[in-house]
């Protein structure tokens, strides 16, 4: 009872704070000098129609590098913490050589009849995951490939890619993903991201300066210099890091 009252009181306080922000919000009549510079100069300087992506990837390139690094450290720490003695012991279990192919991916196959075995998933989820996963991956690629033209970018596209991993794990909780492949993709995209950033220092005006490639025509798919390439690398790296976290959590749940 006391916990519920405390929770209700906390919700009431948070509601009052947000209501005060909403009621007291007064929009600025004009852009501040920094925002005005971005609005007036981004398309001309960087050739990107999406100001947000241009700012995140180029103007604030060092901030983006820090954010990607934080996400990488988070994925590494989660994997390190979850790879405890129980997980390592579980990974040493030998597969049944006489088992039917694909049987190990079925829910409950590893510990049939034991308490805590995964609940069998329905045919709808299994079939739906097979149909939706390619489309989700295609949507993720579309979002980060068009990040310089439409709302979206590397972080959003990477999160969509990772949602395909989550869907596969929901449909087949015992499914194992190749950590070597995920780690290799994450490392390669990270190295290329930093390499392109350093090329901006050498060939253009600063770290992650997109003008190392031709800016092209504003609004075209192949425009905005290196922004589409940088956005794609961020998308792959973010998708790999989130997928690594999801796979580690799933394997820990099984052990």
Foldseek 3Di string as FASTA:
>chain_A
DVVVVVVVVVVVVVVVVVVCCVVPDDDDPDDDPVVVCLVVPVCVQQVFPDSVLSCPQAVVVVVVLVVLVVLLVVLVVLLVVLCDPVLVVVVPDDDDPPDDPPQQQFFCSVPPPDPLTDDGDDPCLLVVLVVCLVVLLVVLLVQQLCVRADPHFQLRSLVSNLVNLVSSCVNGLSDADDLVVLVVLLVVLSVVLQVCQVVCVVPHPHGSRQVVAAQPHRNDSPGSHCSSVNRNSSNSNSNSSSSSSVNSVSSSSVD
